[in-house]
N, C-alpha and C. Protein backbone atom coordinates (compact mmCIF):
# COMPACT_ATOMS: atom_id res chain seq x y z
N UNK A 1 0.84 -1.18 0.00
CA UNK A 1 0.00 0.00 0.00
C UNK A 1 0.88 1.25 0.00
N UNK A 2 0.42 2.29 -0.69
CA UNK A 2 1.21 3.52 -0.71
C UNK A 2 1.15 4.27 0.62
N UNK A 3 2.21 5.04 0.89
CA UNK A 3 2.30 5.84 2.12
C UNK A 3 2.01 7.29 1.78
N UNK A 4 1.23 7.94 2.66
CA UNK A 4 0.86 9.34 2.50
C UNK A 4 1.25 10.11 3.75
N UNK A 5 1.59 11.37 3.58
CA UNK A 5 2.04 12.23 4.68
C UNK A 5 1.08 13.40 4.82
N UNK A 6 0.62 13.64 6.04
CA UNK A 6 -0.41 14.64 6.33
C UNK A 6 0.22 15.80 7.10
N UNK A 7 0.58 16.86 6.39
CA UNK A 7 1.15 18.05 7.01
C UNK A 7 0.00 18.95 7.46
N UNK A 8 0.02 19.37 8.71
CA UNK A 8 -1.10 20.16 9.24
C UNK A 8 -0.74 21.63 9.35
N UNK A 9 -1.79 22.46 9.26
CA UNK A 9 -1.67 23.90 9.45
C UNK A 9 -2.73 24.33 10.45
N UNK A 10 -2.33 25.19 11.36
CA UNK A 10 -3.24 25.70 12.38
C UNK A 10 -2.97 27.19 12.55
N UNK A 11 -3.80 28.02 11.92
CA UNK A 11 -3.63 29.48 11.94
C UNK A 11 -2.19 29.89 11.59
N UNK A 12 -1.64 29.28 10.56
CA UNK A 12 -0.31 29.64 10.09
C UNK A 12 0.81 28.78 10.66
N UNK A 13 0.58 28.10 11.77
CA UNK A 13 1.60 27.20 12.34
C UNK A 13 1.55 25.88 11.57
N UNK A 14 2.70 25.45 11.06
CA UNK A 14 2.75 24.24 10.25
C UNK A 14 3.51 23.13 10.96
N UNK A 15 3.00 21.91 10.81
CA UNK A 15 3.67 20.73 11.35
C UNK A 15 3.79 19.71 10.22
N UNK A 16 5.04 19.34 9.92
CA UNK A 16 5.31 18.39 8.84
C UNK A 16 5.24 16.96 9.38
N UNK A 17 4.51 16.13 8.68
CA UNK A 17 4.37 14.71 9.02
C UNK A 17 5.58 13.95 8.48
N UNK A 18 6.38 13.41 9.36
CA UNK A 18 7.58 12.67 8.95
C UNK A 18 7.34 11.16 8.90
N UNK A 19 6.25 10.69 9.51
CA UNK A 19 5.98 9.25 9.58
C UNK A 19 5.05 8.78 8.47
N UNK A 20 4.00 9.50 8.23
CA UNK A 20 3.01 9.11 7.24
C UNK A 20 2.24 7.88 7.65
N UNK A 21 1.34 7.46 6.78
CA UNK A 21 0.60 6.23 7.03
C UNK A 21 0.22 5.59 5.69
N UNK A 22 0.09 4.29 5.72
CA UNK A 22 -0.25 3.55 4.53
C UNK A 22 -1.77 3.52 4.38
N UNK A 23 -2.23 3.90 3.19
CA UNK A 23 -3.66 3.92 2.91
C UNK A 23 -3.91 3.30 1.54
N UNK A 24 -5.10 2.75 1.35
CA UNK A 24 -5.43 2.02 0.13
C UNK A 24 -5.55 2.91 -1.10
N UNK A 25 -5.93 4.17 -0.94
CA UNK A 25 -6.10 5.03 -2.10
C UNK A 25 -6.64 6.40 -1.71
N UNK A 26 -7.03 7.17 -2.72
CA UNK A 26 -7.42 8.55 -2.50
C UNK A 26 -8.71 8.71 -1.70
N UNK A 27 -9.63 7.77 -1.79
CA UNK A 27 -10.83 7.86 -0.95
C UNK A 27 -10.45 7.79 0.53
N UNK A 28 -9.54 6.91 0.87
CA UNK A 28 -9.08 6.78 2.25
C UNK A 28 -8.29 8.02 2.67
N UNK A 29 -7.50 8.58 1.76
CA UNK A 29 -6.76 9.81 2.05
C UNK A 29 -7.73 10.94 2.36
N UNK A 30 -8.74 11.09 1.52
CA UNK A 30 -9.76 12.13 1.72
C UNK A 30 -10.45 11.97 3.06
N UNK A 31 -10.90 10.76 3.35
CA UNK A 31 -11.63 10.51 4.59
C UNK A 31 -10.76 10.82 5.82
N UNK A 32 -9.50 10.40 5.79
CA UNK A 32 -8.62 10.65 6.93
C UNK A 32 -8.31 12.14 7.08
N UNK A 33 -8.14 12.85 5.98
CA UNK A 33 -7.88 14.29 6.04
C UNK A 33 -9.06 15.02 6.68
N UNK A 34 -10.27 14.71 6.26
CA UNK A 34 -11.46 15.38 6.80
C UNK A 34 -11.64 15.02 8.27
N UNK A 35 -11.49 13.76 8.61
CA UNK A 35 -11.64 13.33 10.00
C UNK A 35 -10.59 13.99 10.90
N UNK A 36 -9.35 14.07 10.40
CA UNK A 36 -8.28 14.70 11.19
C UNK A 36 -8.55 16.18 11.40
N UNK A 37 -9.01 16.88 10.37
CA UNK A 37 -9.32 18.31 10.52
C UNK A 37 -10.40 18.55 11.56
N UNK A 38 -11.44 17.75 11.55
CA UNK A 38 -12.51 17.95 12.53
C UNK A 38 -12.03 17.63 13.94
N UNK A 39 -11.16 16.64 14.08
CA UNK A 39 -10.61 16.31 15.40
C UNK A 39 -9.70 17.43 15.91
N UNK A 40 -8.88 17.99 15.04
CA UNK A 40 -8.00 19.10 15.43
C UNK A 40 -8.85 20.29 15.87
N UNK A 41 -9.88 20.61 15.10
CA UNK A 41 -10.74 21.74 15.44
C UNK A 41 -11.43 21.52 16.78
N UNK A 42 -11.88 20.30 17.03
CA UNK A 42 -12.55 20.01 18.31
C UNK A 42 -11.57 20.10 19.47
N UNK A 43 -10.34 19.63 19.28
CA UNK A 43 -9.35 19.65 20.35
C UNK A 43 -8.80 21.04 20.61
N UNK A 44 -8.55 21.79 19.55
CA UNK A 44 -7.91 23.10 19.67
C UNK A 44 -8.90 24.19 20.03
N UNK A 45 -10.13 24.06 19.54
CA UNK A 45 -11.09 25.12 19.76
C UNK A 45 -10.61 26.40 19.13
N UNK A 46 -11.12 27.50 19.62
CA UNK A 46 -10.69 28.77 19.06
C UNK A 46 -10.89 29.87 20.08
N UNK A 47 -9.84 30.64 20.30
CA UNK A 47 -9.93 31.78 21.19
C UNK A 47 -10.20 33.06 20.40
N UNK A 48 -10.28 32.94 19.08
CA UNK A 48 -10.54 34.10 18.24
C UNK A 48 -11.86 33.90 17.50
N UNK A 49 -12.29 34.94 16.80
CA UNK A 49 -13.55 34.85 16.06
C UNK A 49 -13.44 34.00 14.80
N UNK A 50 -12.21 33.85 14.30
CA UNK A 50 -12.02 33.02 13.13
C UNK A 50 -10.73 32.22 13.28
N UNK A 51 -10.82 30.94 13.00
CA UNK A 51 -9.68 30.04 13.14
C UNK A 51 -9.63 29.17 11.90
N UNK A 52 -8.45 29.04 11.31
CA UNK A 52 -8.31 28.28 10.08
C UNK A 52 -7.39 27.08 10.29
N UNK A 53 -7.87 25.92 9.90
CA UNK A 53 -7.12 24.66 9.99
C UNK A 53 -6.93 24.11 8.58
N UNK A 54 -5.82 23.42 8.33
CA UNK A 54 -5.61 22.84 7.02
C UNK A 54 -4.73 21.61 7.07
N UNK A 55 -4.86 20.80 6.03
CA UNK A 55 -4.02 19.61 5.86
C UNK A 55 -3.58 19.57 4.40
N UNK A 56 -2.28 19.38 4.20
CA UNK A 56 -1.72 19.18 2.87
C UNK A 56 -1.15 17.77 2.84
N UNK A 57 -1.62 16.97 1.92
CA UNK A 57 -1.22 15.57 1.85
C UNK A 57 -0.23 15.37 0.71
N UNK A 58 0.87 14.66 1.02
CA UNK A 58 1.91 14.32 0.04
C UNK A 58 1.97 12.80 -0.13
N UNK A 59 2.36 12.38 -1.32
CA UNK A 59 2.58 10.95 -1.53
C UNK A 59 4.04 10.62 -1.21
N UNK A 60 4.43 9.38 -1.46
CA UNK A 60 5.80 8.93 -1.14
C UNK A 60 6.87 9.68 -1.92
N UNK A 61 6.51 10.21 -3.07
CA UNK A 61 7.47 10.96 -3.89
C UNK A 61 7.53 12.43 -3.48
N UNK A 62 6.70 12.81 -2.51
CA UNK A 62 6.68 14.19 -2.06
C UNK A 62 5.75 15.09 -2.84
N UNK A 63 4.99 14.51 -3.76
CA UNK A 63 4.05 15.28 -4.58
C UNK A 63 2.76 15.55 -3.82
N UNK A 64 2.25 16.77 -3.92
CA UNK A 64 0.97 17.11 -3.29
C UNK A 64 -0.15 16.35 -3.99
N UNK A 65 -1.02 15.72 -3.19
CA UNK A 65 -2.13 14.96 -3.76
C UNK A 65 -3.49 15.45 -3.27
N UNK A 66 -3.52 16.21 -2.16
CA UNK A 66 -4.79 16.69 -1.64
C UNK A 66 -4.53 17.82 -0.65
N UNK A 67 -5.38 18.82 -0.69
CA UNK A 67 -5.37 19.90 0.29
C UNK A 67 -6.78 20.06 0.81
N UNK A 68 -6.90 20.20 2.12
CA UNK A 68 -8.21 20.38 2.73
C UNK A 68 -8.11 21.45 3.80
N UNK A 69 -9.12 22.32 3.86
CA UNK A 69 -9.13 23.40 4.85
C UNK A 69 -10.47 23.45 5.56
N UNK A 70 -10.41 23.89 6.80
CA UNK A 70 -11.61 24.07 7.61
C UNK A 70 -11.48 25.41 8.32
N UNK A 71 -12.50 26.25 8.18
CA UNK A 71 -12.51 27.53 8.88
C UNK A 71 -13.62 27.50 9.91
N UNK A 72 -13.26 27.81 11.15
CA UNK A 72 -14.22 27.91 12.24
C UNK A 72 -14.43 29.37 12.52
N UNK A 73 -15.64 29.85 12.30
CA UNK A 73 -15.95 31.26 12.47
C UNK A 73 -17.06 31.43 13.49
N UNK A 74 -16.82 32.33 14.42
CA UNK A 74 -17.81 32.60 15.47
C UNK A 74 -18.22 34.07 15.40
N UNK A 75 -19.53 34.31 15.46
CA UNK A 75 -20.05 35.69 15.48
C UNK A 75 -20.96 35.84 16.69
N UNK A 76 -20.66 36.80 17.53
CA UNK A 76 -21.53 37.09 18.66
C UNK A 76 -22.67 37.98 18.19
N UNK A 77 -23.86 37.62 18.52
CA UNK A 77 -25.03 38.32 18.01
C UNK A 77 -25.70 39.24 19.03
N UNK A 78 -25.08 39.40 20.12
CA UNK A 78 -25.73 40.27 21.09
C UNK A 78 -24.78 40.86 22.09
């Protein structure tokens, strides 16, 4: 199975994935990227009105294969 690397972004702070994980294909890559983003957002929360999370996925050759972003925006209405 091919290995993919999930580099994360959190409001500009980047963390490079050096280990990666073996996945069957792009559907599994997509699912893991989305699941990871929602878990990061839930764990990190946000102390600001807008918080941006992202994942950039590379294959074994270092080529970008998927980018996913999640923006958490809060508006106080009163």
